[in-house]
Amino acid sequence: MGSGRYRFEYEAPRARALSQQPTATDRAARFLQMSKEAEARGLAEPFVGVTTGGKVVPGLFPIRSTGVSTEPVRKAAVAFLNALTGRQPEVVLPILPPRTGPPFSQAQ
């Protein structure tokens, strides 16, 4: 303590002005843009499957019919969406521009 060999300096981070803080709309737009860019990069690469350490594990999750209908799940989702009123759809569902084509497939 007495020798003064050690010196501790601390500069508090400067607070950003409130006007510089991104708004929720700014953050949503930035996230959407980042998501689109990541999606485009991912879709540009060929799908190789589920990997472990970069090596494909063949047959790990085969796409096959389980014999269980997805119709009850679809009906429940439609009923839920139809029950939304006022601003609820905006809160529950993200507002995204329509896709030009489905990048993903859903096994039925």
C-alpha atoms as a PDB file:
ATOM      1  CA  MET A   1       0.000   0.000   0.000  1.00  0.00           C
ATOM      2  CA  GLY A   2       2.583   2.519   0.992  1.00  0.00           C
ATOM      3  CA  SER A   3       4.901   2.369  -2.022  1.00  0.00           C
ATOM      4  CA  GLY A   4       2.389   3.575  -4.610  1.00  0.00           C
ATOM      5  CA  ARG A   5       3.633   1.083  -7.198  1.00  0.00           C
ATOM      6  CA  TYR A   6       0.126   0.204  -8.262  1.00  0.00           C
ATOM      7  CA  ARG A   7      -2.182   2.721  -9.719  1.00  0.00           C
ATOM      8  CA  PHE A   8      -5.831   2.160 -10.416  1.00  0.00           C
ATOM      9  CA  GLU A   9      -7.618   4.453 -12.794  1.00  0.00           C
ATOM     10  CA  TYR A  10     -11.222   4.137 -13.788  1.00  0.00           C
ATOM     11  CA  GLU A  11     -13.072   6.186 -16.299  1.00  0.00           C
ATOM     12  CA  ALA A  12     -16.814   5.721 -16.188  1.00  0.00           C
ATOM     13  CA  PRO A  13     -18.395   4.963 -19.533  1.00  0.00           C
ATOM     14  CA  ARG A  14     -19.922   8.022 -21.058  1.00  0.00           C
ATOM     15  CA  ALA A  15     -23.672   7.953 -21.148  1.00  0.00           C
ATOM     16  CA  ARG A  16     -25.169   8.169 -24.582  1.00  0.00           C
ATOM     17  CA  ALA A  17     -27.654  10.914 -25.094  1.00  0.00           C
ATOM     18  CA  LEU A  18     -31.237   9.711 -25.085  1.00  0.00           C
ATOM     19  CA  SER A  19     -31.608  10.942 -28.633  1.00  0.00           C
ATOM     20  CA  GLN A  20     -28.857   8.512 -29.682  1.00  0.00           C
ATOM     21  CA  GLN A  21     -30.601   5.490 -28.166  1.00  0.00           C
ATOM     22  CA  PRO A  22     -32.150   3.274 -30.836  1.00  0.00           C
ATOM     23  CA  THR A  23     -35.913   3.106 -30.692  1.00  0.00           C
ATOM     24  CA  ALA A  24     -37.853  -0.153 -30.666  1.00  0.00           C
ATOM     25  CA  THR A  25     -38.668   0.481 -34.325  1.00  0.00           C
ATOM     26  CA  ASP A  26     -34.968   1.013 -35.118  1.00  0.00           C
ATOM     27  CA  ARG A  27     -34.039  -2.210 -33.315  1.00  0.00           C
ATOM     28  CA  ALA A  28     -36.806  -4.146 -35.083  1.00  0.00           C
ATOM     29  CA  ALA A  29     -35.685  -2.831 -38.479  1.00  0.00           C
ATOM     30  CA  ARG A  30     -32.044  -3.661 -37.705  1.00  0.00           C
ATOM     31  CA  PHE A  31     -32.978  -7.159 -36.511  1.00  0.00           C
ATOM     32  CA  LEU A  32     -35.087  -7.749 -39.615  1.00  0.00           C
ATOM     33  CA  GLN A  33     -32.220  -6.641 -41.863  1.00  0.00           C
ATOM     34  CA  MET A  34     -29.723  -8.849 -39.995  1.00  0.00           C
ATOM     35  CA  SER A  35     -32.164 -11.766 -40.184  1.00  0.00           C
ATOM     36  CA  LYS A  36     -32.639 -11.323 -43.942  1.00  0.00           C
ATOM     37  CA  GLU A  37     -28.879 -11.179 -44.484  1.00  0.00           C
ATOM     38  CA  ALA A  38     -28.285 -14.308 -42.379  1.00  0.00           C
ATOM     39  CA  GLU A  39     -31.108 -16.104 -44.185  1.00  0.00           C
ATOM     40  CA  ALA A  40     -29.679 -15.166 -47.589  1.00  0.00           C
ATOM     41  CA  ARG A  41     -26.225 -16.428 -46.575  1.00  0.00           C
ATOM     42  CA  GLY A  42     -27.689 -19.656 -45.240  1.00  0.00           C
ATOM     43  CA  LEU A  43     -29.873 -20.275 -48.283  1.00  0.00           C
ATOM     44  CA  ALA A  44     -26.884 -19.702 -50.570  1.00  0.00           C
ATOM     45  CA  GLU A  45     -25.130 -22.702 -49.002  1.00  0.00           C
ATOM     46  CA  PRO A  46     -26.228 -26.219 -49.919  1.00  0.00           C
ATOM     47  CA  PHE A  47     -28.038 -28.069 -47.154  1.00  0.00           C
ATOM     48  CA  VAL A  48     -25.837 -30.885 -45.885  1.00  0.00           C
ATOM     49  CA  GLY A  49     -27.846 -32.111 -42.922  1.00  0.00           C
ATOM     50  CA  VAL A  50     -27.355 -32.232 -39.187  1.00  0.00           C
ATOM     51  CA  THR A  51     -23.673 -32.160 -38.344  1.00  0.00           C
ATOM     52  CA  THR A  52     -21.498 -32.950 -35.388  1.00  0.00           C
ATOM     53  CA  GLY A  53     -18.220 -31.112 -35.554  1.00  0.00           C
ATOM     54  CA  GLY A  54     -18.868 -30.401 -39.234  1.00  0.00           C
ATOM     55  CA  LYS A  55     -19.437 -34.064 -40.136  1.00  0.00           C
ATOM     56  CA  VAL A  56     -22.870 -35.122 -41.374  1.00  0.00           C
ATOM     57  CA  VAL A  57     -24.679 -37.729 -39.294  1.00  0.00           C
ATOM     58  CA  PRO A  58     -26.637 -39.609 -41.968  1.00  0.00           C
ATOM     59  CA  GLY A  59     -30.163 -40.764 -41.136  1.00  0.00           C
ATOM     60  CA  LEU A  60     -30.193 -39.052 -37.742  1.00  0.00           C
ATOM     61  CA  PHE A  61     -33.544 -37.343 -38.314  1.00  0.00           C
ATOM     62  CA  PRO A  62     -35.144 -38.927 -41.362  1.00  0.00           C
ATOM     63  CA  ILE A  63     -38.214 -37.219 -42.768  1.00  0.00           C
ATOM     64  CA  ARG A  64     -40.965 -39.759 -42.588  1.00  0.00           C
ATOM     65  CA  SER A  65     -44.630 -39.958 -41.795  1.00  0.00           C
ATOM     66  CA  THR A  66     -45.381 -40.723 -38.157  1.00  0.00           C
ATOM     67  CA  GLY A  67     -48.993 -41.510 -38.877  1.00  0.00           C
ATOM     68  CA  VAL A  68     -50.082 -38.661 -36.595  1.00  0.00           C
ATOM     69  CA  SER A  69     -52.125 -35.995 -38.339  1.00  0.00           C
ATOM     70  CA  THR A  70     -51.030 -32.376 -38.013  1.00  0.00           C
ATOM     71  CA  GLU A  71     -54.600 -31.239 -38.774  1.00  0.00           C
ATOM     72  CA  PRO A  72     -55.561 -30.705 -35.078  1.00  0.00           C
ATOM     73  CA  VAL A  73     -52.523 -28.468 -34.591  1.00  0.00           C
ATOM     74  CA  ARG A  74     -53.367 -26.489 -37.741  1.00  0.00           C
ATOM     75  CA  LYS A  75     -56.994 -26.071 -36.620  1.00  0.00           C
ATOM     76  CA  ALA A  76     -55.901 -24.922 -33.149  1.00  0.00           C
ATOM     77  CA  ALA A  77     -53.515 -22.359 -34.661  1.00  0.00           C
ATOM     78  CA  VAL A  78     -56.219 -21.023 -36.992  1.00  0.00           C
ATOM     79  CA  ALA A  79     -58.717 -20.819 -34.110  1.00  0.00           C
ATOM     80  CA  PHE A  80     -56.160 -18.963 -31.978  1.00  0.00           C
ATOM     81  CA  LEU A  81     -55.363 -16.486 -34.747  1.00  0.00           C
ATOM     82  CA  ASN A  82     -59.049 -15.929 -35.498  1.00  0.00           C
ATOM     83  CA  ALA A  83     -59.681 -15.149 -31.818  1.00  0.00           C
ATOM     84  CA  LEU A  84     -57.187 -12.267 -31.768  1.00  0.00           C
ATOM     85  CA  THR A  85     -58.740  -8.824 -31.654  1.00  0.00           C
ATOM     86  CA  GLY A  86     -57.617  -5.203 -31.776  1.00  0.00           C
ATOM     87  CA  ARG A  87     -53.840  -4.903 -31.669  1.00  0.00           C
ATOM     88  CA  GLN A  88     -53.275  -8.488 -30.510  1.00  0.00           C
ATOM     89  CA  PRO A  89     -52.288  -9.756 -33.981  1.00  0.00           C
ATOM     90  CA  GLU A  90     -49.533  -7.110 -34.163  1.00  0.00           C
ATOM     91  CA  VAL A  91     -48.166  -8.221 -30.803  1.00  0.00           C
ATOM     92  CA  VAL A  92     -48.493 -11.954 -31.339  1.00  0.00           C
ATOM     93  CA  LEU A  93     -47.299 -12.092 -34.938  1.00  0.00           C
ATOM     94  CA  PRO A  94     -44.273 -10.284 -36.316  1.00  0.00           C
ATOM     95  CA  ILE A  95     -45.123  -7.935 -39.141  1.00  0.00           C
ATOM     96  CA  LEU A  96     -42.925  -9.122 -41.975  1.00  0.00           C
ATOM     97  CA  PRO A  97     -43.150  -8.511 -45.687  1.00  0.00           C
ATOM     98  CA  PRO A  98     -44.507 -11.493 -47.618  1.00  0.00           C
ATOM     99  CA  ARG A  99     -41.921 -13.902 -48.956  1.00  0.00           C
ATOM    100  CA  THR A 100     -41.509 -14.401 -52.659  1.00  0.00           C
ATOM    101  CA  GLY A 101     -41.336 -18.131 -52.109  1.00  0.00           C
ATOM    102  CA  PRO A 102     -41.108 -20.502 -49.160  1.00  0.00           C
ATOM    103  CA  PRO A 103     -37.448 -21.085 -48.222  1.00  0.00           C
ATOM    104  CA  PHE A 104     -38.415 -23.867 -45.828  1.00  0.00           C
ATOM    105  CA  SER A 105     -40.537 -26.952 -46.288  1.00  0.00           C
ATOM    106  CA  GLN A 106     -42.900 -28.498 -43.787  1.00  0.00           C
ATOM    107  CA  ALA A 107     -43.261 -32.232 -43.664  1.00  0.00           C
ATOM    108  CA  GLN A 108     -46.907 -33.244 -43.274  1.00  0.00           C
END
